C-alpha atoms as a PDB file:
ATOM      1  CA  MET A   1     -52.223  -2.744 -18.191  1.00  0.00           C
ATOM      2  CA  SER A   2     -49.838  -0.915 -15.941  1.00  0.00           C
ATOM      3  CA  GLN A   3     -48.234   2.107 -16.688  1.00  0.00           C
ATOM      4  CA  LEU A   4     -45.123  -0.059 -17.120  1.00  0.00           C
ATOM      5  CA  ASP A   5     -46.587  -2.329 -19.565  1.00  0.00           C
ATOM      6  CA  GLN A   6     -47.749   0.450 -21.709  1.00  0.00           C
ATOM      7  CA  LEU A   7     -45.093   2.498 -21.889  1.00  0.00           C
ATOM      8  CA  ILE A   8     -42.814   3.007 -24.779  1.00  0.00           C
ATOM      9  CA  VAL A   9     -39.235   3.657 -25.136  1.00  0.00           C
ATOM     10  CA  GLU A  10     -37.220   3.853 -28.058  1.00  0.00           C
ATOM     11  CA  GLN A  11     -33.670   4.908 -27.754  1.00  0.00           C
ATOM     12  CA  ILE A  12     -31.992   6.008 -30.964  1.00  0.00           C
ATOM     13  CA  GLN A  13     -28.400   6.920 -31.354  1.00  0.00           C
ATOM     14  CA  ILE A  14     -28.078   9.636 -33.776  1.00  0.00           C
ATOM     15  CA  GLY A  15     -25.329  12.097 -35.296  1.00  0.00           C
ATOM     16  CA  PRO A  16     -21.345  12.156 -34.799  1.00  0.00           C
ATOM     17  CA  MET A  17     -21.215  12.998 -31.297  1.00  0.00           C
ATOM     18  CA  GLN A  18     -22.915   9.796 -30.050  1.00  0.00           C
ATOM     19  CA  ASN A  19     -26.342  11.231 -29.210  1.00  0.00           C
ATOM     20  CA  PHE A  20     -29.109   9.856 -27.919  1.00  0.00           C
ATOM     21  CA  ALA A  21     -32.834  10.801 -28.820  1.00  0.00           C
ATOM     22  CA  TYR A  22     -35.485   9.361 -27.123  1.00  0.00           C
ATOM     23  CA  LEU A  23     -39.366   8.612 -27.966  1.00  0.00           C
ATOM     24  CA  ILE A  24     -41.101   8.281 -24.655  1.00  0.00           C
ATOM     25  CA  GLY A  25     -45.310   7.298 -24.835  1.00  0.00           C
ATOM     26  CA  ASP A  26     -48.157   5.389 -24.524  1.00  0.00           C
ATOM     27  CA  LYS A  27     -48.712   1.645 -26.348  1.00  0.00           C
ATOM     28  CA  ALA A  28     -52.051   1.811 -26.352  1.00  0.00           C
ATOM     29  CA  THR A  29     -52.869   5.546 -27.660  1.00  0.00           C
ATOM     30  CA  ARG A  30     -49.537   5.353 -29.628  1.00  0.00           C
ATOM     31  CA  GLU A  31     -49.021   9.118 -28.748  1.00  0.00           C
ATOM     32  CA  VAL A  32     -45.095   9.728 -28.081  1.00  0.00           C
ATOM     33  CA  VAL A  33     -43.109  12.958 -27.610  1.00  0.00           C
ATOM     34  CA  VAL A  34     -39.192  13.070 -28.475  1.00  0.00           C
ATOM     35  CA  ILE A  35     -36.410  13.946 -26.220  1.00  0.00           C
ATOM     36  CA  ASP A  36     -33.405  15.865 -27.702  1.00  0.00           C
ATOM     37  CA  PRO A  37     -34.384  15.940 -31.339  1.00  0.00           C
ATOM     38  CA  ALA A  38     -30.962  16.915 -33.091  1.00  0.00           C
ATOM     39  CA  TRP A  39     -28.988  15.943 -36.245  1.00  0.00           C
ATOM     40  CA  ASP A  40     -31.269  14.129 -38.173  1.00  0.00           C
ATOM     41  CA  ILE A  41     -34.935  15.295 -38.076  1.00  0.00           C
ATOM     42  CA  GLU A  42     -36.570  13.641 -41.251  1.00  0.00           C
ATOM     43  CA  GLY A  43     -34.712  10.329 -39.685  1.00  0.00           C
ATOM     44  CA  LEU A  44     -36.407  10.636 -36.407  1.00  0.00           C
ATOM     45  CA  LEU A  45     -39.816  11.717 -38.263  1.00  0.00           C
ATOM     46  CA  ASN A  46     -39.247   8.630 -40.463  1.00  0.00           C
ATOM     47  CA  PHE A  47     -38.873   6.276 -37.309  1.00  0.00           C
ATOM     48  CA  VAL A  48     -41.987   7.800 -35.813  1.00  0.00           C
ATOM     49  CA  ASP A  49     -44.055   7.275 -39.156  1.00  0.00           C
ATOM     50  CA  GLU A  50     -42.364   3.329 -39.505  1.00  0.00           C
ATOM     51  CA  ARG A  51     -44.129   2.313 -36.067  1.00  0.00           C
ATOM     52  CA  ASP A  52     -47.108   4.547 -36.672  1.00  0.00           C
ATOM     53  CA  TYR A  53     -46.619   6.570 -33.392  1.00  0.00           C
ATOM     54  CA  ILE A  54     -48.498  10.506 -32.630  1.00  0.00           C
ATOM     55  CA  LEU A  55     -45.981  12.773 -32.139  1.00  0.00           C
ATOM     56  CA  LYS A  56     -47.285  15.081 -29.504  1.00  0.00           C
ATOM     57  CA  GLY A  57     -44.571  17.202 -28.183  1.00  0.00           C
ATOM     58  CA  ALA A  58     -40.509  17.512 -27.994  1.00  0.00           C
ATOM     59  CA  LEU A  59     -38.820  17.652 -24.553  1.00  0.00           C
ATOM     60  CA  VAL A  60     -35.731  19.156 -24.101  1.00  0.00           C
ATOM     61  CA  THR A  61     -32.899  18.206 -21.654  1.00  0.00           C
ATOM     62  CA  HIS A  62     -30.741  21.732 -21.867  1.00  0.00           C
ATOM     63  CA  TYR A  63     -29.725  24.211 -24.473  1.00  0.00           C
ATOM     64  CA  HIS A  64     -26.559  22.739 -26.208  1.00  0.00           C
ATOM     65  CA  PRO A  65     -27.172  22.212 -29.741  1.00  0.00           C
ATOM     66  CA  ASP A  66     -25.983  18.553 -29.976  1.00  0.00           C
ATOM     67  CA  HIS A  67     -29.088  18.053 -28.083  1.00  0.00           C
ATOM     68  CA  CYS A  68     -31.852  20.749 -29.478  1.00  0.00           C
ATOM     69  CA  GLY A  69     -30.246  22.273 -32.451  1.00  0.00           C
ATOM     70  CA  GLY A  70     -28.385  25.447 -33.162  1.00  0.00           C
ATOM     71  CA  SER A  71     -24.756  26.065 -34.367  1.00  0.00           C
ATOM     72  CA  PHE A  72     -21.460  25.785 -32.541  1.00  0.00           C
ATOM     73  CA  GLY A  73     -17.977  26.391 -34.137  1.00  0.00           C
ATOM     74  CA  HIS A  74     -18.276  25.496 -37.922  1.00  0.00           C
ATOM     75  CA  ASN A  75     -20.938  23.197 -36.885  1.00  0.00           C
ATOM     76  CA  VAL A  76     -24.577  23.698 -37.640  1.00  0.00           C
ATOM     77  CA  VAL A  77     -27.028  21.275 -36.385  1.00  0.00           C
ATOM     78  CA  GLU A  78     -30.537  20.868 -37.397  1.00  0.00           C
ATOM     79  CA  GLY A  79     -33.132  20.550 -34.487  1.00  0.00           C
ATOM     80  CA  VAL A  80     -36.058  21.708 -32.919  1.00  0.00           C
ATOM     81  CA  ALA A  81     -37.043  24.704 -35.350  1.00  0.00           C
ATOM     82  CA  ALA A  82     -36.745  21.878 -38.234  1.00  0.00           C
ATOM     83  CA  LEU A  83     -39.184  19.883 -36.538  1.00  0.00           C
ATOM     84  CA  LEU A  84     -41.472  22.859 -36.238  1.00  0.00           C
ATOM     85  CA  GLU A  85     -41.357  23.499 -39.757  1.00  0.00           C
ATOM     86  CA  ARG A  86     -42.870  19.630 -40.040  1.00  0.00           C
ATOM     87  CA  HIS A  87     -44.952  19.488 -36.932  1.00  0.00           C
ATOM     88  CA  ALA A  88     -46.649  22.445 -34.980  1.00  0.00           C
ATOM     89  CA  LEU A  89     -45.624  21.076 -31.605  1.00  0.00           C
ATOM     90  CA  PRO A  90     -45.099  22.356 -27.870  1.00  0.00           C
ATOM     91  CA  ILE A  91     -41.361  22.141 -27.189  1.00  0.00           C
ATOM     92  CA  TYR A  92     -40.885  21.595 -23.359  1.00  0.00           C
ATOM     93  CA  ALA A  93     -38.071  23.425 -21.687  1.00  0.00           C
ATOM     94  CA  ASN A  94     -36.588  23.915 -18.088  1.00  0.00           C
ATOM     95  CA  GLU A  95     -37.924  27.743 -16.666  1.00  0.00           C
ATOM     96  CA  HIS A  96     -34.201  28.502 -16.579  1.00  0.00           C
ATOM     97  CA  GLU A  97     -33.341  27.315 -19.773  1.00  0.00           C
ATOM     98  CA  VAL A  98     -36.083  28.691 -22.104  1.00  0.00           C
ATOM     99  CA  ALA A  99     -33.958  31.767 -23.030  1.00  0.00           C
ATOM    100  CA  GLY A 100     -31.425  29.698 -23.682  1.00  0.00           C
ATOM    101  CA  VAL A 101     -33.174  27.328 -25.906  1.00  0.00           C
ATOM    102  CA  GLN A 102     -34.648  30.264 -27.674  1.00  0.00           C
ATOM    103  CA  LYS A 103     -30.977  32.071 -28.289  1.00  0.00           C
ATOM    104  CA  VAL A 104     -29.540  28.993 -29.539  1.00  0.00           C
ATOM    105  CA  THR A 105     -32.110  27.177 -31.544  1.00  0.00           C
ATOM    106  CA  GLY A 106     -33.761  30.481 -33.161  1.00  0.00           C
ATOM    107  CA  VAL A 107     -37.382  29.594 -32.101  1.00  0.00           C
ATOM    108  CA  SER A 108     -40.506  31.494 -31.257  1.00  0.00           C
ATOM    109  CA  LYS A 109     -40.924  31.776 -27.107  1.00  0.00           C
ATOM    110  CA  THR A 110     -44.406  31.243 -28.009  1.00  0.00           C
ATOM    111  CA  ASP A 111     -43.253  27.641 -29.198  1.00  0.00           C
ATOM    112  CA  LEU A 112     -41.513  26.877 -25.878  1.00  0.00           C
ATOM    113  CA  LYS A 113     -43.334  25.627 -22.978  1.00  0.00           C
ATOM    114  CA  SER A 114     -41.891  26.717 -19.605  1.00  0.00           C
ATOM    115  CA  VAL A 115     -41.819  23.780 -16.837  1.00  0.00           C
ATOM    116  CA  SER A 116     -40.385  23.748 -13.302  1.00  0.00           C
ATOM    117  CA  SER A 117     -39.239  20.688 -11.333  1.00  0.00           C
ATOM    118  CA  GLY A 118     -42.087  18.414 -10.357  1.00  0.00           C
ATOM    119  CA  ASP A 119     -44.254  19.159 -13.333  1.00  0.00           C
ATOM    120  CA  LYS A 120     -45.754  16.626 -14.770  1.00  0.00           C
ATOM    121  CA  LEU A 121     -46.849  15.930 -19.099  1.00  0.00           C
ATOM    122  CA  THR A 122     -49.209  13.363 -19.360  1.00  0.00           C
ATOM    123  CA  VAL A 123     -48.876  11.525 -23.078  1.00  0.00           C
ATOM    124  CA  GLY A 124     -51.829   9.014 -23.429  1.00  0.00           C
ATOM    125  CA  ASP A 125     -51.811   7.646 -19.806  1.00  0.00           C
ATOM    126  CA  ILE A 126     -48.135   8.066 -19.173  1.00  0.00           C
ATOM    127  CA  ASP A 127     -46.637  10.659 -16.812  1.00  0.00           C
ATOM    128  CA  ILE A 128     -43.617  12.275 -17.736  1.00  0.00           C
ATOM    129  CA  GLU A 129     -41.988  14.173 -14.465  1.00  0.00           C
ATOM    130  CA  PHE A 130     -39.624  16.843 -14.733  1.00  0.00           C
ATOM    131  CA  LEU A 131     -36.647  17.338 -12.798  1.00  0.00           C
ATOM    132  CA  HIS A 132     -34.156  20.375 -12.791  1.00  0.00           C
ATOM    133  CA  THR A 133     -30.730  18.824 -12.324  1.00  0.00           C
ATOM    134  CA  PRO A 134     -28.754  22.139 -13.121  1.00  0.00           C
ATOM    135  CA  GLY A 135     -24.993  21.754 -13.089  1.00  0.00           C
ATOM    136  CA  HIS A 136     -24.011  20.775 -16.893  1.00  0.00           C
ATOM    137  CA  THR A 137     -26.129  23.912 -17.572  1.00  0.00           C
ATOM    138  CA  PRO A 138     -28.522  26.041 -15.230  1.00  0.00           C
ATOM    139  CA  GLY A 139     -31.844  24.444 -16.688  1.00  0.00           C
ATOM    140  CA  SER A 140     -30.468  21.406 -17.348  1.00  0.00           C
ATOM    141  CA  GLN A 141     -33.450  18.911 -17.007  1.00  0.00           C
ATOM    142  CA  CYS A 142     -33.999  15.280 -16.537  1.00  0.00           C
ATOM    143  CA  PHE A 143     -37.473  13.017 -17.185  1.00  0.00           C
ATOM    144  CA  ARG A 144     -38.645  10.463 -14.937  1.00  0.00           C
ATOM    145  CA  VAL A 145     -40.989   8.033 -16.500  1.00  0.00           C
ATOM    146  CA  LYS A 146     -42.200   5.207 -13.795  1.00  0.00           C
ATOM    147  CA  HIS A 147     -38.840   3.083 -13.112  1.00  0.00           C
ATOM    148  CA  THR A 148     -36.778   4.766 -16.122  1.00  0.00           C
ATOM    149  CA  LEU A 149     -34.756   8.035 -16.102  1.00  0.00           C
ATOM    150  CA  ILE A 150     -33.648  10.201 -19.094  1.00  0.00           C
ATOM    151  CA  SER A 151     -30.483  12.040 -18.141  1.00  0.00           C
ATOM    152  CA  GLY A 152     -29.499  14.109 -21.089  1.00  0.00           C
ATOM    153  CA  ASP A 153     -25.778  15.433 -20.000  1.00  0.00           C
ATOM    154  CA  THR A 154     -26.396  15.463 -16.090  1.00  0.00           C
ATOM    155  CA  LEU A 155     -25.641  11.681 -15.674  1.00  0.00           C
ATOM    156  CA  PHE A 156     -23.651   9.561 -17.928  1.00  0.00           C
ATOM    157  CA  ILE A 157     -23.279   5.623 -16.820  1.00  0.00           C
ATOM    158  CA  ASP A 158     -19.620   6.060 -16.269  1.00  0.00           C
ATOM    159  CA  GLY A 159     -19.527   9.767 -15.494  1.00  0.00           C
ATOM    160  CA  CYS A 160     -21.476  13.337 -15.846  1.00  0.00           C
ATOM    161  CA  GLY A 161     -21.841  16.535 -17.817  1.00  0.00           C
ATOM    162  CA  ARG A 162     -18.722  18.646 -17.820  1.00  0.00           C
ATOM    163  CA  VAL A 163     -18.784  21.603 -15.404  1.00  0.00           C
ATOM    164  CA  ASP A 164     -16.232  23.864 -17.422  1.00  0.00           C
ATOM    165  CA  LEU A 165     -18.376  25.221 -19.737  1.00  0.00           C
ATOM    166  CA  PRO A 166     -20.090  28.741 -19.820  1.00  0.00           C
ATOM    167  CA  GLY A 167     -23.249  28.532 -17.477  1.00  0.00           C
ATOM    168  CA  SER A 168     -22.374  25.187 -15.589  1.00  0.00           C
ATOM    169  CA  ASN A 169     -21.454  25.545 -11.898  1.00  0.00           C
ATOM    170  CA  SER A 170     -19.406  22.499 -10.312  1.00  0.00           C
ATOM    171  CA  GLU A 171     -21.655  23.052  -6.674  1.00  0.00           C
ATOM    172  CA  ASP A 172     -24.896  22.757  -8.541  1.00  0.00           C
ATOM    173  CA  MET A 173     -23.820  19.458 -10.331  1.00  0.00           C
ATOM    174  CA  PHE A 174     -22.837  17.763  -7.022  1.00  0.00           C
ATOM    175  CA  ASN A 175     -26.091  18.427  -5.431  1.00  0.00           C
ATOM    176  CA  SER A 176     -28.047  17.398  -8.843  1.00  0.00           C
ATOM    177  CA  LEU A 177     -26.052  13.854  -8.455  1.00  0.00           C
ATOM    178  CA  ARG A 178     -27.026  13.381  -4.544  1.00  0.00           C
ATOM    179  CA  LYS A 179     -30.363  14.022  -5.701  1.00  0.00           C
ATOM    180  CA  LEU A 180     -30.821  11.369  -8.838  1.00  0.00           C
ATOM    181  CA  ALA A 181     -28.772   9.031  -6.209  1.00  0.00           C
ATOM    182  CA  GLU A 182     -31.999   8.835  -4.014  1.00  0.00           C
ATOM    183  CA  LEU A 183     -33.457   7.348  -7.115  1.00  0.00           C
ATOM    184  CA  PRO A 184     -34.629   3.820  -6.668  1.00  0.00           C
ATOM    185  CA  ASP A 185     -31.589   1.310  -7.730  1.00  0.00           C
ATOM    186  CA  GLU A 186     -34.120  -0.638 -10.122  1.00  0.00           C
ATOM    187  CA  THR A 187     -34.462   2.637 -12.010  1.00  0.00           C
ATOM    188  CA  ILE A 188     -33.358   2.574 -15.727  1.00  0.00           C
ATOM    189  CA  LEU A 189     -30.581   5.017 -16.798  1.00  0.00           C
ATOM    190  CA  LEU A 190     -30.834   6.072 -19.923  1.00  0.00           C
ATOM    191  CA  PRO A 191     -28.159   8.865 -20.735  1.00  0.00           C
ATOM    192  CA  GLY A 192     -27.684  11.754 -23.575  1.00  0.00           C
ATOM    193  CA  HIS A 193     -24.878   9.922 -25.368  1.00  0.00           C
ATOM    194  CA  ASN A 194     -23.537   6.440 -25.858  1.00  0.00           C
ATOM    195  CA  TYR A 195     -20.314   7.237 -24.176  1.00  0.00           C
ATOM    196  CA  SER A 196     -20.054   3.868 -22.290  1.00  0.00           C
ATOM    197  CA  ALA A 197     -19.738  -0.472 -23.271  1.00  0.00           C
ATOM    198  CA  VAL A 198     -23.550  -0.414 -22.592  1.00  0.00           C
ATOM    199  CA  ALA A 199     -26.389   1.983 -23.740  1.00  0.00           C
ATOM    200  CA  HIS A 200     -28.380   1.918 -20.274  1.00  0.00           C
ATOM    201  CA  ALA A 201     -27.891   0.682 -16.963  1.00  0.00           C
ATOM    202  CA  THR A 202     -29.833   0.307 -13.501  1.00  0.00           C
ATOM    203  CA  MET A 203     -29.428   3.206 -10.879  1.00  0.00           C
ATOM    204  CA  GLY A 204     -28.120   0.377  -8.782  1.00  0.00           C
ATOM    205  CA  ASP A 205     -25.038  -0.560 -11.087  1.00  0.00           C
ATOM    206  CA  THR A 206     -24.573   3.245 -11.838  1.00  0.00           C
ATOM    207  CA  LYS A 207     -24.400   4.335  -7.915  1.00  0.00           C
ATOM    208  CA  ARG A 208     -21.535   0.909  -7.338  1.00  0.00           C
ATOM    209  CA  THR A 209     -19.422   1.806 -10.584  1.00  0.00           C
ATOM    210  CA  ASN A 210     -19.549   5.796 -11.357  1.00  0.00           C
ATOM    211  CA  ALA A 211     -16.736   7.341  -9.712  1.00  0.00           C
ATOM    212  CA  TYR A 212     -18.767  10.836  -9.932  1.00  0.00           C
ATOM    213  CA  MET A 213     -21.691   9.197  -8.002  1.00  0.00           C
ATOM    214  CA  ARG A 214     -19.679   7.935  -5.121  1.00  0.00           C
ATOM    215  CA  ILE A 215     -18.554  11.178  -3.924  1.00  0.00           C
ATOM    216  CA  ASN A 216     -20.900  11.820  -0.793  1.00  0.00           C
ATOM    217  CA  ASN A 217     -19.059  15.091   0.284  1.00  0.00           C
ATOM    218  CA  LEU A 218     -18.999  18.700  -1.394  1.00  0.00           C
ATOM    219  CA  GLU A 219     -15.003  18.932  -0.430  1.00  0.00           C
ATOM    220  CA  SER A 220     -13.898  15.931  -2.082  1.00  0.00           C
ATOM    221  CA  TRP A 221     -16.230  16.707  -4.883  1.00  0.00           C
ATOM    222  CA  LYS A 222     -14.540  20.365  -5.709  1.00  0.00           C
ATOM    223  CA  MET A 223     -11.075  18.819  -5.151  1.00  0.00           C
ATOM    224  CA  MET A 224     -11.860  16.575  -8.089  1.00  0.00           C
ATOM    225  CA  MET A 225     -13.682  18.697  -9.973  1.00  0.00           C
ATOM    226  CA  GLY A 226     -13.293  22.448  -9.043  1.00  0.00           C
ATOM    227  CA  GLY A 227     -15.473  25.064  -8.502  1.00  0.00           C
END
């Protein structure tokens, strides 16, 4: 069985901000990791149990509370801290984001596993590659699994993450999108929010239709985005 045939990919819309959480893993071993667990931890864990999956860890695309838990404004979002109350699991965050995740969620530094771009995590026999894609936040990261990319708030099907928030950087976002534009056209893009008419698309279609992916020089990018 090829890795592609073995791959578990579950896309779960969750919370009032149209977030997507994901389960990625190995059909043979039933081992999975959860990506961006937030809003309804019990619901996510019930989903895992109903399918007889074995949860091995959590991956965080970036430190915003709608993706990992915490508070913003008058809103309190449950996330990785609530997950750890139920399961003693490693939480994987980019090396530039560990402090931010810790501050926002209140989890202990010992609960967090720092990863660098290019690092890989093996779940069963499935390899997940970490890609550092700063711009929306300093340590934003995407996860590449064979012909699948889970992009968080770096890249949406019809847009990209905001670059006008604390910690964001417009030029970094431009460079991150240029990096993702090099991925094969057949790569399936799985974004962090359900902001489009479809929940996923190929990178080939995204490169053709997403205006942010069609900007090839930094000067034009800055004219549109600032920075």
